[in-house]
Amino acid sequence: MPQTMTFDEKLATSNKACALLDAGDREGYSRLMRSIPMPPYLAKIAKEKIGVDFLINGGWNLIEAEAEFGQNWLTK
């Protein structure tokens, strides 16, 4: 289950992901970046422009969007 992160945790995770990308591990980079909670405004735009399936099937951490928009916001 995705969990919230402090700003420092988000930054540290992002830095680790960038190090993986620099080392050629694109899959590891992508996995770590998806573990960082997507900001609610970006999740809303992605839902509207790209679609719900992108968010559901992409493994994105949507905990902050759920906190702001409600637990069933993707299906509304």
C-alpha atoms as a PDB file:
ATOM      1  CA  MET A   1       0.000   0.000   0.000  1.00  0.00           C
ATOM      2  CA  PRO A   2       1.447   3.391  -0.931  1.00  0.00           C
ATOM      3  CA  GLN A   3       2.268   5.696   1.926  1.00  0.00           C
ATOM      4  CA  THR A   4       2.862   9.366   2.428  1.00  0.00           C
ATOM      5  CA  MET A   5       6.379  10.777   2.391  1.00  0.00           C
ATOM      6  CA  THR A   6       7.946  13.860   3.853  1.00  0.00           C
ATOM      7  CA  PHE A   7       9.597  16.326   1.495  1.00  0.00           C
ATOM      8  CA  ASP A   8      13.014  15.012   2.563  1.00  0.00           C
ATOM      9  CA  GLU A   9      11.944  11.420   1.855  1.00  0.00           C
ATOM     10  CA  LYS A  10      10.667  12.434  -1.592  1.00  0.00           C
ATOM     11  CA  LEU A  11      13.948  14.195  -2.320  1.00  0.00           C
ATOM     12  CA  ALA A  12      16.043  11.250  -1.117  1.00  0.00           C
ATOM     13  CA  THR A  13      13.996   8.806  -3.197  1.00  0.00           C
ATOM     14  CA  SER A  14      14.294  11.042  -6.235  1.00  0.00           C
ATOM     15  CA  ASN A  15      18.066  11.249  -5.774  1.00  0.00           C
ATOM     16  CA  LYS A  16      18.303   7.444  -5.512  1.00  0.00           C
ATOM     17  CA  ALA A  17      16.197   7.108  -8.648  1.00  0.00           C
ATOM     18  CA  CYS A  18      18.453   9.515 -10.550  1.00  0.00           C
ATOM     19  CA  ALA A  19      21.503   7.536  -9.454  1.00  0.00           C
ATOM     20  CA  LEU A  20      19.880   4.382 -10.848  1.00  0.00           C
ATOM     21  CA  LEU A  21      19.154   6.159 -14.128  1.00  0.00           C
ATOM     22  CA  ASP A  22      22.757   7.369 -14.309  1.00  0.00           C
ATOM     23  CA  ALA A  23      23.846   3.758 -13.805  1.00  0.00           C
ATOM     24  CA  GLY A  24      21.638   2.658 -16.699  1.00  0.00           C
ATOM     25  CA  ASP A  25      18.841   1.107 -14.615  1.00  0.00           C
ATOM     26  CA  ARG A  26      15.782   2.676 -16.237  1.00  0.00           C
ATOM     27  CA  GLU A  27      13.429   0.131 -14.697  1.00  0.00           C
ATOM     28  CA  GLY A  28      14.705   0.846 -11.181  1.00  0.00           C
ATOM     29  CA  TYR A  29      14.463   4.572 -11.844  1.00  0.00           C
ATOM     30  CA  SER A  30      10.873   4.255 -13.012  1.00  0.00           C
ATOM     31  CA  ARG A  31       9.896   2.056 -10.071  1.00  0.00           C
ATOM     32  CA  LEU A  32      11.300   4.489  -7.527  1.00  0.00           C
ATOM     33  CA  MET A  33       9.807   7.546  -9.199  1.00  0.00           C
ATOM     34  CA  ARG A  34       6.346   5.924  -9.202  1.00  0.00           C
ATOM     35  CA  SER A  35       6.718   5.270  -5.469  1.00  0.00           C
ATOM     36  CA  ILE A  36       6.843   9.024  -4.773  1.00  0.00           C
ATOM     37  CA  PRO A  37       3.284  10.309  -4.214  1.00  0.00           C
ATOM     38  CA  MET A  38       2.018  12.063  -7.321  1.00  0.00           C
ATOM     39  CA  PRO A  39       0.905  15.605  -6.484  1.00  0.00           C
ATOM     40  CA  PRO A  40      -2.901  15.839  -6.573  1.00  0.00           C
ATOM     41  CA  TYR A  41      -2.955  18.491  -9.293  1.00  0.00           C
ATOM     42  CA  LEU A  42      -0.847  16.264 -11.578  1.00  0.00           C
ATOM     43  CA  ALA A  43      -2.991  13.227 -10.822  1.00  0.00           C
ATOM     44  CA  LYS A  44      -6.107  15.199 -11.747  1.00  0.00           C
ATOM     45  CA  ILE A  45      -4.570  16.375 -15.026  1.00  0.00           C
ATOM     46  CA  ALA A  46      -3.352  12.845 -15.834  1.00  0.00           C
ATOM     47  CA  LYS A  47      -6.835  11.458 -15.182  1.00  0.00           C
ATOM     48  CA  GLU A  48      -8.417  14.040 -17.487  1.00  0.00           C
ATOM     49  CA  LYS A  49      -5.822  14.050 -20.274  1.00  0.00           C
ATOM     50  CA  ILE A  50      -4.323  10.553 -20.287  1.00  0.00           C
ATOM     51  CA  GLY A  51      -7.008   8.474 -18.593  1.00  0.00           C
ATOM     52  CA  VAL A  52      -7.763   6.440 -15.514  1.00  0.00           C
ATOM     53  CA  ASP A  53      -6.083   3.306 -16.882  1.00  0.00           C
ATOM     54  CA  PHE A  54      -2.734   5.119 -17.016  1.00  0.00           C
ATOM     55  CA  LEU A  55      -2.966   5.860 -13.308  1.00  0.00           C
ATOM     56  CA  ILE A  56      -4.347   2.504 -12.217  1.00  0.00           C
ATOM     57  CA  ASN A  57      -2.107   0.288 -14.358  1.00  0.00           C
ATOM     58  CA  GLY A  58       0.993   2.460 -13.970  1.00  0.00           C
ATOM     59  CA  GLY A  59       1.500   1.672 -10.305  1.00  0.00           C
ATOM     60  CA  TRP A  60       1.579   5.340  -9.311  1.00  0.00           C
ATOM     61  CA  ASN A  61       1.434   6.327  -5.649  1.00  0.00           C
ATOM     62  CA  LEU A  62      -1.847   8.265  -5.518  1.00  0.00           C
ATOM     63  CA  ILE A  63      -2.169   8.579  -1.758  1.00  0.00           C
ATOM     64  CA  GLU A  64      -2.017  12.395  -1.785  1.00  0.00           C
ATOM     65  CA  ALA A  65      -4.678  12.609  -4.510  1.00  0.00           C
ATOM     66  CA  GLU A  66      -6.897  10.221  -2.540  1.00  0.00           C
ATOM     67  CA  ALA A  67      -6.461  12.367   0.571  1.00  0.00           C
ATOM     68  CA  GLU A  68      -7.443  15.502  -1.354  1.00  0.00           C
ATOM     69  CA  PHE A  69     -10.152  14.186  -3.688  1.00  0.00           C
ATOM     70  CA  GLY A  70     -11.511  11.187  -1.760  1.00  0.00           C
ATOM     71  CA  GLN A  71     -10.868   7.476  -2.004  1.00  0.00           C
ATOM     72  CA  ASN A  72     -13.072   6.889  -5.081  1.00  0.00           C
ATOM     73  CA  TRP A  73     -11.934   9.948  -7.058  1.00  0.00           C
ATOM     74  CA  LEU A  74     -10.635   7.876  -9.974  1.00  0.00           C
ATOM     75  CA  THR A  75     -14.018   6.318 -10.684  1.00  0.00           C
ATOM     76  CA  LYS A  76     -16.088   9.508 -10.321  1.00  0.00           C
END
